Amino acid sequence: MISTTEHRDVVIVGGGHNALVAATLLARAGLSVTVLERLDHVGGAAVSARTFPDHDARLSRYSYLVSLFPDQLAEELGLRLELRSRDTASCTPYLRPDGSADGLVVETVPGEATRESFRRLTGGDEELHAWERFYDDVAGLAAAVAPTLLAPLPCVSDVRGRVDPTIWCDVVERPLGEAIERRFADDVVRGVVATDALIGTFASLHDPSLAQNRCFLYHLVGNGTGEWRVPVGGMGAVTGELERVAREAGAEIVTGTMVDAVRPDEDGVTVTAGDRVWRAEHVLSGVAPAVLADLLGAPVERRPEGSQLKVNLLLSRLPRLRSGIDPAIAFAGTLHLGESYTELETAHAEAASGRLPTRAAGEVYCHTLTDRSILGAELAATDAQTLTYFGLHTPPATLPDAAAADEAYARVLAAIDEHLAEPLAPLVLGVEAKTPGDVEAALAMPGGHIFHGDLAWPWLGDDEPVDTAAERWGVGTSHPRVLMCGSGARRGGAVSGLGGHAAAAALVEQLGLDTLDLS
């Protein structure tokens, strides 16, 4: 039996972090807003969970670091959130031809330790100077793009005119691998640069689609610095604050509600979920575009496919490294494993042929070196630490069954053990591995794709239409009363709030309300 239809100005389908951003801004603009979430909690991938039943530790289960969320947007929303910097940006262990071990350590603010580390790897300063020149150039690109992220999409020619032509060509016009190979000589250094182009993106560094270039840009543009910071309390603290401000603004949040259909017409949109029906003036979609297409009864042109293996670990203590580098330095930032340039390209080629990469390629970091608040009192009083591993180039075809997933985890352990002075397994108190299939099952992300699909450039082509607010903000769909507000928006992807802000701004503009001007 169908219940009485509930009327709202806006219904938001999906309760991820972007949906909560949009809900807050629209409710503050005076609109009645209801958020519908199929799970029993909001947050999507930006959540903390007691991952290991026998141990009191609340890990950031999926998303785990914050960079793209603009500080200005967080301040406008009134989030009481602490994001901590890490002294170490990255550590890349390597073995010399004679079998001795060392590691390339890059500080967040590069100093003498970084310089000496480059010298030990390369024998001089030339590669370090190339590194400094490249990232100075990238900073110029980031400085041009970051201020545009809370405004309507700029035209590509406007952005290009504010950027050095060489770095524009290297990052925007030609496959990123060309610039990396031209600018750097060392295989390890090349790989450290390349990994930011591949997190969550299945591509060769020479892919003509430039998917890897777009991924690289998003990883380096956050707040104009590209720094990835640790949320104190885990990602659940981010979602907790977003839920708080949304409820305080007057938004209604309904969890445990699976939306069955979204049916727009000239006068509004009908949303059904089981025996409940909402009639809204407008709908915002926080779900992936492919999921929205299903809800609209429209054909899905291409379903996305993820390529990551996420492993959460709880250890009794950090392991010792063969290199002798202090584990508190090596694991505090991003620890690169099997991510030299050659290894990355080999792993991609193997995965593209449907085979699990022989050598696991991925990166590890330790949340608890920066923030121990995610541990219960009993664990916090010990040497226990968490590790988060994000594996590259493991699409579903390489993980067809549980046995393949087990083998993938075994190869992760082997990749770590290669650089340790002791085996990791005896230190493991708890382990959780998530394949793209697991992510899809848990979060309804098609194919387990963490960005809901390939990332897009955060600007419009000079010939793209800008006749509507939805077009100007990059949130349009096939129907004017339905807007994208999640990672499927033009500037979606990662924990940024940009999709939610853009959808709210477009709708406010469309309705002629006070403009959400945070630019």
Protein backbone atom coordinates (compact mmCIF):
# COMPACT_ATOMS: atom_id res chain seq x y z
CA MET A 1 0.00 0.00 0.00
CA ILE A 2 1.39 3.40 -1.06
CA SER A 3 1.58 6.01 1.69
CA THR A 4 0.66 9.67 1.31
CA THR A 5 3.05 11.61 -0.91
CA GLU A 6 5.47 13.84 1.00
CA HIS A 7 6.25 17.20 -0.60
CA ARG A 8 9.69 18.87 -0.52
CA ASP A 9 11.48 21.61 -2.40
CA VAL A 10 14.49 19.33 -2.82
CA VAL A 11 15.08 15.61 -2.40
CA ILE A 12 18.68 14.42 -2.44
CA VAL A 13 19.24 10.80 -3.43
CA GLY A 14 22.23 9.34 -1.61
CA GLY A 15 23.72 10.53 1.65
CA GLY A 16 27.41 10.87 0.90
CA HIS A 17 29.49 13.82 2.03
CA ASN A 18 28.59 15.88 -1.05
CA ALA A 19 24.89 15.36 -0.40
CA LEU A 20 25.33 16.69 3.13
CA VAL A 21 27.14 19.77 1.82
CA ALA A 22 24.33 20.47 -0.64
CA ALA A 23 21.66 19.81 1.96
CA THR A 24 23.19 22.30 4.38
CA LEU A 25 23.57 25.08 1.82
CA LEU A 26 20.07 24.63 0.39
CA ALA A 27 18.40 24.39 3.78
CA ARG A 28 20.17 27.58 4.83
CA ALA A 29 18.81 29.19 1.65
CA GLY A 30 15.31 28.49 2.98
CA LEU A 31 14.39 25.36 1.02
CA SER A 32 12.85 22.22 2.49
CA VAL A 33 15.37 19.42 1.95
CA THR A 34 15.23 15.67 2.51
CA VAL A 35 18.25 13.39 2.08
CA LEU A 36 17.52 9.70 1.34
CA GLU A 37 20.26 7.17 2.14
CA ARG A 38 19.97 3.41 1.63
CA LEU A 39 22.42 2.52 4.45
CA ASP A 40 21.75 3.02 8.14
CA HIS A 41 24.25 5.89 8.24
CA VAL A 42 25.34 8.77 6.02
CA GLY A 43 28.79 9.54 4.65
CA GLY A 44 29.22 7.12 1.75
CA ALA A 45 32.94 6.37 1.46
CA ALA A 46 33.86 9.05 4.01
CA VAL A 47 33.21 6.96 7.11
CA SER A 48 35.00 5.40 10.08
CA ALA A 49 34.20 1.89 11.23
CA ARG A 50 35.21 -0.54 13.93
CA THR A 51 36.75 -2.71 11.27
CA PHE A 52 38.04 -5.48 13.54
CA PRO A 53 35.37 -6.78 15.97
CA ASP A 54 37.91 -7.91 18.57
CA HIS A 55 39.77 -4.60 18.69
CA ASP A 56 38.58 -1.09 19.53
CA ALA A 57 39.91 0.82 16.53
CA ARG A 58 37.77 2.98 14.22
CA LEU A 59 39.57 3.10 10.88
CA SER A 60 38.81 5.30 7.90
CA ARG A 61 37.42 2.38 5.99
CA TYR A 62 37.45 3.73 2.42
CA SER A 63 38.51 7.37 1.95
CA TYR A 64 41.26 8.27 4.37
CA LEU A 65 42.93 11.65 3.67
CA VAL A 66 41.67 15.15 2.88
CA SER A 67 43.12 17.60 0.36
CA LEU A 68 40.54 18.85 -2.14
CA PHE A 69 37.97 20.06 0.41
CA PRO A 70 38.45 23.86 0.25
CA ASP A 71 39.24 25.45 3.60
CA GLN A 72 36.92 28.30 2.61
CA LEU A 73 34.00 25.90 2.17
CA ALA A 74 34.71 24.20 5.50
CA GLU A 75 34.72 27.60 7.20
CA GLU A 76 31.48 28.66 5.51
CA LEU A 77 29.79 25.44 6.60
CA GLY A 78 31.06 25.91 10.15
CA LEU A 79 32.79 22.55 10.41
CA ARG A 80 34.60 21.94 13.69
CA LEU A 81 37.28 19.79 12.13
CA GLU A 82 41.01 19.39 12.65
CA LEU A 83 43.20 18.37 9.74
CA ARG A 84 46.81 17.63 10.63
CA SER A 85 49.85 17.91 8.40
CA ARG A 86 52.47 15.18 8.27
CA ASP A 87 56.20 15.90 8.42
CA THR A 88 56.85 13.16 5.84
CA ALA A 89 55.27 13.50 2.41
CA SER A 90 56.57 10.16 1.11
CA CYS A 91 59.12 7.42 1.60
CA THR A 92 60.01 5.06 -1.23
CA PRO A 93 62.15 2.09 -0.14
CA TYR A 94 64.46 0.60 -2.76
CA LEU A 95 67.18 -2.02 -3.09
CA ARG A 96 70.54 -1.27 -4.67
CA PRO A 97 72.10 -3.70 -7.16
CA ASP A 98 74.30 -5.07 -4.35
CA GLY A 99 71.19 -5.92 -2.32
CA SER A 100 71.59 -3.15 0.27
CA ALA A 101 68.47 -1.21 1.23
CA ASP A 102 67.66 2.48 1.44
CA GLY A 103 64.73 4.80 0.86
CA LEU A 104 63.93 8.09 -0.86
CA VAL A 105 62.43 10.28 1.86
CA VAL A 106 60.63 13.46 0.82
CA GLU A 107 59.63 15.84 3.59
CA THR A 108 56.36 17.79 3.38
CA VAL A 109 58.52 20.92 3.59
CA PRO A 110 61.67 19.69 1.83
CA GLY A 111 64.87 20.28 3.75
CA GLU A 112 68.28 18.71 4.26
CA ALA A 113 66.88 15.22 4.85
CA THR A 114 65.20 15.35 1.44
CA ARG A 115 68.35 16.65 -0.26
CA GLU A 116 70.55 13.98 1.30
CA SER A 117 68.04 11.27 0.41
CA PHE A 118 68.06 12.30 -3.25
CA ARG A 119 71.86 12.30 -3.23
CA ARG A 120 72.03 8.77 -1.84
CA LEU A 121 69.65 7.55 -4.53
CA THR A 122 71.00 9.41 -7.55
CA GLY A 123 74.57 10.35 -6.64
CA GLY A 124 74.06 14.10 -6.97
CA ASP A 125 71.66 17.03 -6.95
CA GLU A 126 70.51 17.08 -10.58
CA GLU A 127 67.41 14.94 -10.00
CA LEU A 128 66.47 16.97 -6.92
CA HIS A 129 66.71 20.18 -8.93
CA ALA A 130 64.50 18.63 -11.63
CA TRP A 131 62.04 17.69 -8.89
CA GLU A 132 62.01 21.24 -7.52
CA ARG A 133 61.53 22.78 -10.98
CA PHE A 134 58.70 20.42 -11.85
CA TYR A 135 56.74 20.97 -8.65
CA ASP A 136 57.31 24.71 -8.81
CA ASP A 137 55.71 24.57 -12.26
CA VAL A 138 52.86 22.40 -10.97
CA ALA A 139 52.31 24.89 -8.13
CA GLY A 140 51.76 27.58 -10.76
CA LEU A 141 49.07 25.45 -12.39
CA ALA A 142 47.46 24.73 -9.02
CA ALA A 143 47.48 28.43 -8.17
CA ALA A 144 45.49 29.12 -11.32
CA VAL A 145 42.97 26.31 -10.82
CA ALA A 146 42.33 26.23 -7.05
CA PRO A 147 40.63 29.66 -6.82
CA THR A 148 38.10 28.61 -9.49
CA LEU A 149 36.77 25.53 -7.68
CA LEU A 150 34.02 27.35 -5.76
CA ALA A 151 32.92 29.45 -8.73
CA PRO A 152 31.14 28.58 -11.98
CA LEU A 153 33.37 26.56 -14.27
CA PRO A 154 35.90 28.75 -16.05
CA CYS A 155 36.60 28.42 -19.76
CA VAL A 156 39.73 26.51 -20.62
CA SER A 157 41.25 29.49 -22.43
CA ASP A 158 40.91 31.63 -19.30
CA VAL A 159 42.80 29.08 -17.20
CA ARG A 160 45.40 28.36 -19.87
CA GLY A 161 46.20 32.07 -20.16
CA ARG A 162 47.29 32.14 -16.50
CA VAL A 163 49.61 29.10 -16.71
CA ASP A 164 53.12 28.62 -18.06
CA PRO A 165 52.76 27.03 -21.53
CA THR A 166 55.26 24.23 -20.82
CA ILE A 167 53.54 22.89 -17.70
CA TRP A 168 50.16 23.34 -19.38
CA CYS A 169 51.31 21.15 -22.24
CA ASP A 170 52.89 18.61 -19.87
CA VAL A 171 49.81 18.16 -17.68
CA VAL A 172 46.85 19.10 -19.85
CA GLU A 173 47.69 18.45 -23.48
CA ARG A 174 50.13 15.52 -23.69
CA PRO A 175 50.26 12.16 -21.84
CA LEU A 176 51.93 12.76 -18.49
CA GLY A 177 54.45 9.98 -19.07
CA GLU A 178 56.15 12.09 -21.72
CA ALA A 179 56.88 14.90 -19.25
CA ILE A 180 58.01 12.49 -16.53
CA GLU A 181 60.42 10.74 -18.87
CA ARG A 182 61.75 14.04 -20.24
CA ARG A 183 62.16 15.77 -16.88
CA PHE A 184 63.48 12.90 -14.72
CA ALA A 185 66.16 10.25 -15.26
CA ASP A 186 65.83 8.01 -12.19
CA ASP A 187 63.26 5.20 -12.30
CA VAL A 188 62.33 5.53 -8.62
CA VAL A 189 61.89 9.31 -8.82
CA ARG A 190 59.80 8.94 -11.95
CA GLY A 191 57.54 6.49 -10.12
CA VAL A 192 57.04 8.74 -7.11
CA VAL A 193 55.85 11.51 -9.44
CA ALA A 194 53.67 9.13 -11.43
CA THR A 195 51.68 7.61 -8.57
CA ASP A 196 49.54 10.72 -8.07
CA ALA A 197 48.28 10.14 -11.61
CA LEU A 198 47.10 6.60 -10.87
CA ILE A 199 45.32 6.57 -7.50
CA GLY A 200 41.85 5.30 -8.40
CA THR A 201 42.59 5.54 -12.13
CA PHE A 202 43.38 2.55 -14.34
CA ALA A 203 45.62 3.88 -17.08
CA SER A 204 49.06 3.76 -18.56
CA LEU A 205 51.09 6.91 -18.08
CA HIS A 206 50.99 7.21 -21.88
CA ASP A 207 47.22 6.71 -22.19
CA PRO A 208 45.95 9.03 -24.98
CA SER A 209 42.70 9.60 -23.05
CA LEU A 210 44.73 11.62 -20.49
CA ALA A 211 42.73 10.07 -17.63
CA GLN A 212 46.03 9.84 -15.75
CA ASN A 213 46.70 13.56 -16.30
CA ARG A 214 43.33 14.57 -14.87
CA CYS A 215 43.89 12.35 -11.84
CA PHE A 216 47.31 13.94 -11.35
CA LEU A 217 45.86 17.45 -11.46
CA TYR A 218 43.21 16.68 -8.83
CA HIS A 219 45.82 15.18 -6.52
CA LEU A 220 48.02 18.29 -6.70
CA VAL A 221 45.52 21.16 -6.72
CA GLY A 222 43.84 20.97 -3.29
CA ASN A 223 43.77 24.39 -1.59
CA GLY A 224 46.51 25.47 -3.99
CA THR A 225 49.10 23.29 -2.23
CA GLY A 226 48.09 19.71 -2.97
CA GLU A 227 48.85 18.67 0.60
CA TRP A 228 46.93 15.63 1.85
CA ARG A 229 46.08 15.97 5.55
CA VAL A 230 44.93 13.57 8.24
CA PRO A 231 41.42 14.16 9.66
CA VAL A 232 41.61 13.88 13.44
CA GLY A 233 39.12 11.23 14.49
CA GLY A 234 39.22 9.64 11.05
CA MET A 235 36.98 10.26 8.05
CA GLY A 236 33.98 9.62 10.26
CA ALA A 237 34.74 12.91 11.99
CA VAL A 238 34.36 14.71 8.64
CA THR A 239 31.00 13.08 8.01
CA GLY A 240 29.90 13.64 11.60
CA GLU A 241 30.46 17.37 11.25
CA LEU A 242 28.72 17.49 7.87
CA GLU A 243 25.73 15.66 9.31
CA ARG A 244 25.63 18.04 12.29
CA VAL A 245 25.54 21.21 10.21
CA ALA A 246 22.98 19.71 7.80
CA ARG A 247 20.58 18.82 10.61
CA GLU A 248 21.12 22.18 12.33
CA ALA A 249 20.27 23.91 9.04
CA GLY A 250 16.94 22.06 9.03
CA ALA A 251 17.64 19.33 6.49
CA GLU A 252 15.82 16.05 7.05
CA ILE A 253 18.00 12.93 6.79
CA VAL A 254 16.28 9.59 6.22
CA THR A 255 18.51 6.52 6.40
CA GLY A 256 17.71 2.89 5.64
CA THR A 257 15.75 3.99 2.57
CA MET A 258 16.48 2.45 -0.83
CA VAL A 259 15.26 4.65 -3.68
CA ASP A 260 13.61 2.64 -6.45
CA ALA A 261 12.85 5.28 -9.06
CA VAL A 262 13.26 8.95 -9.91
CA ARG A 263 10.67 10.22 -12.39
CA PRO A 264 10.93 13.86 -13.50
CA ASP A 265 8.26 15.71 -15.45
CA GLU A 266 7.60 19.33 -16.37
CA ASP A 267 6.19 20.21 -12.95
CA GLY A 268 8.49 18.33 -10.58
CA VAL A 269 10.06 15.00 -9.72
CA THR A 270 8.54 11.91 -8.08
CA VAL A 271 10.86 9.80 -5.97
CA THR A 272 9.75 6.37 -4.76
CA ALA A 273 11.36 4.17 -2.14
CA GLY A 274 9.38 1.07 -1.31
CA ASP A 275 5.96 2.24 -0.17
CA ARG A 276 7.09 5.83 0.41
CA VAL A 277 6.74 8.60 -2.17
CA TRP A 278 8.21 12.09 -2.28
CA ARG A 279 7.22 14.83 -4.68
CA ALA A 280 9.95 17.44 -5.09
CA GLU A 281 10.46 20.54 -7.15
CA HIS A 282 14.03 19.38 -7.76
CA VAL A 283 16.16 16.30 -7.13
CA LEU A 284 19.89 16.23 -6.52
CA SER A 285 21.71 12.97 -7.19
CA GLY A 286 24.59 12.00 -4.95
CA VAL A 287 24.77 8.54 -6.49
CA ALA A 288 26.93 7.59 -9.46
CA PRO A 289 25.69 8.65 -12.91
CA ALA A 290 25.19 4.99 -13.88
CA VAL A 291 23.01 4.44 -10.79
CA LEU A 292 21.02 7.59 -11.54
CA ALA A 293 20.45 6.36 -15.09
CA ASP A 294 18.94 3.16 -13.68
CA LEU A 295 16.67 5.18 -11.39
CA LEU A 296 15.56 7.35 -14.31
CA GLY A 297 14.86 4.27 -16.44
CA ALA A 298 17.46 5.46 -18.94
CA PRO A 299 20.06 3.33 -20.75
CA VAL A 300 23.55 3.19 -19.26
CA GLU A 301 26.14 3.85 -21.95
CA ARG A 302 29.15 2.50 -20.04
CA ARG A 303 29.41 1.30 -16.47
CA PRO A 304 32.63 2.37 -14.75
CA GLU A 305 35.09 -0.10 -13.30
CA GLY A 306 37.41 0.49 -10.35
CA SER A 307 40.99 -0.68 -10.09
CA GLN A 308 42.02 -0.54 -6.44
CA LEU A 309 42.69 -2.98 -3.63
CA LYS A 310 42.19 -1.37 -0.22
CA VAL A 311 43.68 -3.12 2.81
CA ASN A 312 43.22 -1.94 6.41
CA LEU A 313 45.61 -3.38 8.98
CA LEU A 314 45.97 -3.19 12.74
CA LEU A 315 49.48 -3.98 13.97
CA SER A 316 50.87 -4.64 17.44
CA ARG A 317 53.67 -2.22 16.45
CA LEU A 318 55.31 -0.84 13.33
CA PRO A 319 57.83 -3.15 11.66
CA ARG A 320 61.53 -2.35 11.31
CA LEU A 321 62.82 -1.54 7.83
CA ARG A 322 65.89 -3.10 6.18
CA SER A 323 67.14 0.38 5.35
CA GLY A 324 67.28 1.37 9.01
CA ILE A 325 65.01 4.36 8.34
CA ASP A 326 62.90 5.12 11.40
CA PRO A 327 59.44 3.54 10.84
CA ALA A 328 57.87 6.63 12.44
CA ILE A 329 59.29 8.60 9.49
CA ALA A 330 58.76 6.04 6.75
CA PHE A 331 55.12 5.22 7.55
CA ALA A 332 53.96 8.70 8.58
CA GLY A 333 53.64 9.85 4.99
CA THR A 334 53.02 7.77 1.88
CA LEU A 335 55.19 4.64 1.72
CA HIS A 336 55.50 3.59 -1.93
CA LEU A 337 55.71 -0.12 -2.74
CA GLY A 338 56.45 -1.49 -6.20
CA GLU A 339 55.91 1.98 -7.63
CA SER A 340 59.01 2.70 -9.62
CA TYR A 341 58.05 3.97 -13.07
CA THR A 342 58.91 0.67 -14.74
CA GLU A 343 57.01 -1.35 -12.13
CA LEU A 344 53.91 0.82 -12.53
CA GLU A 345 53.84 0.41 -16.29
CA THR A 346 54.47 -3.33 -16.01
CA ALA A 347 51.68 -3.75 -13.44
CA HIS A 348 49.26 -1.87 -15.70
CA ALA A 349 50.17 -3.98 -18.73
CA GLU A 350 49.66 -7.19 -16.75
CA ALA A 351 46.32 -6.04 -15.34
CA ALA A 352 45.15 -4.82 -18.77
CA SER A 353 45.65 -8.38 -20.02
CA GLY A 354 43.47 -9.67 -17.17
CA ARG A 355 46.27 -10.89 -14.93
CA LEU A 356 46.94 -9.92 -11.33
CA PRO A 357 50.16 -7.86 -11.33
CA THR A 358 53.12 -10.04 -10.43
CA ARG A 359 54.43 -7.37 -8.08
CA ALA A 360 51.87 -5.44 -6.06
CA ALA A 361 52.00 -1.71 -6.70
CA GLY A 362 50.51 0.53 -4.04
CA GLU A 363 51.07 2.83 -1.12
CA VAL A 364 50.80 2.64 2.65
CA TYR A 365 50.39 5.17 5.42
CA CYS A 366 49.87 5.06 9.17
CA HIS A 367 47.00 7.19 10.49
CA THR A 368 47.87 6.59 14.13
CA LEU A 369 51.32 8.18 13.89
CA THR A 370 49.49 11.48 13.36
CA ASP A 371 46.27 10.83 15.29
CA ARG A 372 45.84 8.10 17.92
CA SER A 373 42.30 9.17 18.78
CA ILE A 374 40.90 6.45 16.50
CA LEU A 375 42.20 3.82 18.97
CA GLY A 376 40.32 2.82 22.09
CA ALA A 377 42.02 3.44 25.46
CA GLU A 378 43.39 -0.10 25.74
CA LEU A 379 45.05 -0.02 22.31
CA ALA A 380 46.15 3.59 22.64
CA ALA A 381 48.21 2.65 25.69
CA THR A 382 50.20 0.11 23.65
CA ASP A 383 52.49 0.34 20.62
CA ALA A 384 49.60 -0.60 18.29
CA GLN A 385 49.40 1.20 14.96
CA THR A 386 47.13 1.11 11.92
CA LEU A 387 48.24 0.79 8.32
CA THR A 388 46.21 1.69 5.26
CA TYR A 389 47.24 0.21 1.90
CA PHE A 390 45.85 1.50 -1.40
CA GLY A 391 46.74 -0.84 -4.26
CA LEU A 392 46.85 0.20 -7.91
CA HIS A 393 46.03 -1.70 -11.08
CA THR A 394 43.74 -4.36 -9.59
CA PRO A 395 40.49 -4.12 -11.61
CA PRO A 396 37.77 -6.75 -11.20
CA ALA A 397 39.07 -8.91 -14.05
CA THR A 398 42.20 -9.59 -12.00
CA LEU A 399 40.17 -10.47 -8.88
CA PRO A 400 37.46 -12.84 -10.17
CA ASP A 401 37.02 -14.81 -6.94
CA ALA A 402 38.01 -15.12 -3.30
CA ALA A 403 41.12 -17.11 -4.17
CA ALA A 404 42.37 -14.31 -6.41
CA ALA A 405 41.68 -11.75 -3.69
CA ASP A 406 43.65 -13.87 -1.22
CA GLU A 407 46.53 -14.07 -3.67
CA ALA A 408 46.42 -10.29 -4.15
CA TYR A 409 46.72 -9.81 -0.39
CA ALA A 410 49.61 -12.28 -0.28
CA ARG A 411 51.40 -10.22 -2.93
CA VAL A 412 50.81 -7.07 -0.87
CA LEU A 413 52.47 -8.74 2.12
CA ALA A 414 55.36 -9.81 -0.11
CA ALA A 415 55.79 -6.26 -1.40
CA ILE A 416 55.96 -4.95 2.16
CA ASP A 417 58.19 -7.74 3.46
CA GLU A 418 60.72 -7.10 0.71
CA HIS A 419 61.71 -3.91 2.51
CA LEU A 420 61.38 -5.05 6.12
CA ALA A 421 63.93 -6.39 8.56
CA GLU A 422 61.24 -8.74 9.91
CA PRO A 423 58.07 -10.33 8.47
CA LEU A 424 54.89 -8.31 8.83
CA ALA A 425 52.44 -11.18 9.40
CA PRO A 426 53.31 -11.86 13.08
CA LEU A 427 52.57 -8.21 13.88
CA VAL A 428 49.09 -8.22 12.31
CA LEU A 429 46.23 -8.08 14.83
CA GLY A 430 43.51 -7.54 12.24
CA VAL A 431 43.15 -7.29 8.47
CA GLU A 432 40.38 -6.21 6.11
CA ALA A 433 40.76 -6.23 2.34
CA LYS A 434 38.34 -4.54 -0.06
CA THR A 435 38.34 -5.26 -3.80
CA PRO A 436 36.39 -3.14 -6.32
CA GLY A 437 33.63 -5.74 -6.06
CA ASP A 438 33.53 -5.33 -2.29
CA VAL A 439 33.33 -1.55 -2.66
CA GLU A 440 30.45 -1.86 -5.10
CA ALA A 441 28.58 -4.23 -2.79
CA ALA A 442 29.07 -1.99 0.24
CA LEU A 443 28.63 1.47 -1.29
CA ALA A 444 26.66 0.89 -4.53
CA MET A 445 29.49 2.44 -6.54
CA PRO A 446 29.25 0.78 -9.96
CA GLY A 447 32.31 -1.36 -10.59
CA GLY A 448 33.74 -0.17 -7.29
CA HIS A 449 34.98 2.99 -9.03
CA ILE A 450 35.87 5.42 -6.24
CA PHE A 451 35.31 8.50 -8.46
CA HIS A 452 31.98 7.20 -9.88
CA GLY A 453 33.68 7.30 -13.31
CA ASP A 454 36.60 8.98 -15.05
CA LEU A 455 37.52 12.40 -13.71
CA ALA A 456 36.87 15.43 -15.92
CA TRP A 457 38.89 18.61 -16.31
CA PRO A 458 37.68 21.27 -13.85
CA TRP A 459 36.86 23.71 -16.63
CA LEU A 460 34.71 23.99 -19.75
CA GLY A 461 35.86 23.82 -23.32
CA ASP A 462 35.53 27.16 -25.09
CA ASP A 463 32.78 25.72 -27.28
CA GLU A 464 30.77 24.07 -24.47
CA PRO A 465 27.34 25.62 -23.72
CA VAL A 466 26.89 27.87 -20.68
CA ASP A 467 23.24 28.75 -21.18
CA THR A 468 21.97 27.25 -17.91
CA ALA A 469 23.13 27.32 -14.32
CA ALA A 470 23.58 23.54 -14.44
CA GLU A 471 25.92 23.87 -17.40
CA ARG A 472 27.88 26.71 -15.82
CA TRP A 473 28.39 24.71 -12.62
CA GLY A 474 28.93 21.31 -14.27
CA VAL A 475 26.04 19.50 -12.58
CA GLY A 476 23.54 18.98 -15.39
CA THR A 477 21.76 15.75 -16.31
CA SER A 478 19.30 14.80 -19.02
CA HIS A 479 16.51 16.64 -17.14
CA PRO A 480 16.60 20.25 -15.86
CA ARG A 481 14.94 19.33 -12.57
CA VAL A 482 17.59 16.71 -11.73
CA LEU A 483 21.14 17.80 -10.91
CA MET A 484 24.30 15.84 -10.05
CA CYS A 485 25.72 16.65 -6.61
CA GLY A 486 28.16 13.79 -6.00
CA SER A 487 31.43 12.55 -7.46
CA GLY A 488 29.74 12.34 -10.86
CA ALA A 489 29.59 16.14 -11.07
CA ARG A 490 32.11 17.87 -13.34
CA ARG A 491 34.39 18.65 -10.40
CA GLY A 492 33.55 15.53 -8.40
CA GLY A 493 35.91 12.91 -7.05
CA ALA A 494 37.64 12.52 -3.68
CA VAL A 495 36.39 14.05 -0.42
CA SER A 496 36.03 17.63 -1.62
CA GLY A 497 32.46 18.82 -1.15
CA LEU A 498 32.80 20.43 -4.58
CA GLY A 499 29.99 18.47 -6.20
CA GLY A 500 27.61 19.33 -3.37
CA HIS A 501 28.54 22.99 -3.39
CA ALA A 502 28.24 23.24 -7.18
CA ALA A 503 24.80 21.62 -7.25
CA ALA A 504 23.52 23.88 -4.46
CA ALA A 505 24.96 26.97 -6.14
CA ALA A 506 23.42 26.01 -9.49
CA LEU A 507 19.99 25.44 -7.97
CA VAL A 508 20.12 28.66 -5.95
CA GLU A 509 21.04 30.52 -9.13
CA GLN A 510 18.31 28.75 -11.10
CA LEU A 511 15.71 29.72 -8.50
CA GLY A 512 16.90 33.30 -8.26
CA LEU A 513 17.76 33.05 -4.56
CA ASP A 514 20.75 34.68 -2.86
CA THR A 515 23.92 33.53 -4.58
CA LEU A 516 26.23 31.11 -2.76
CA ASP A 517 29.35 33.13 -3.50
CA LEU A 518 32.38 31.52 -1.84
CA SER A 519 34.81 32.35 -4.63
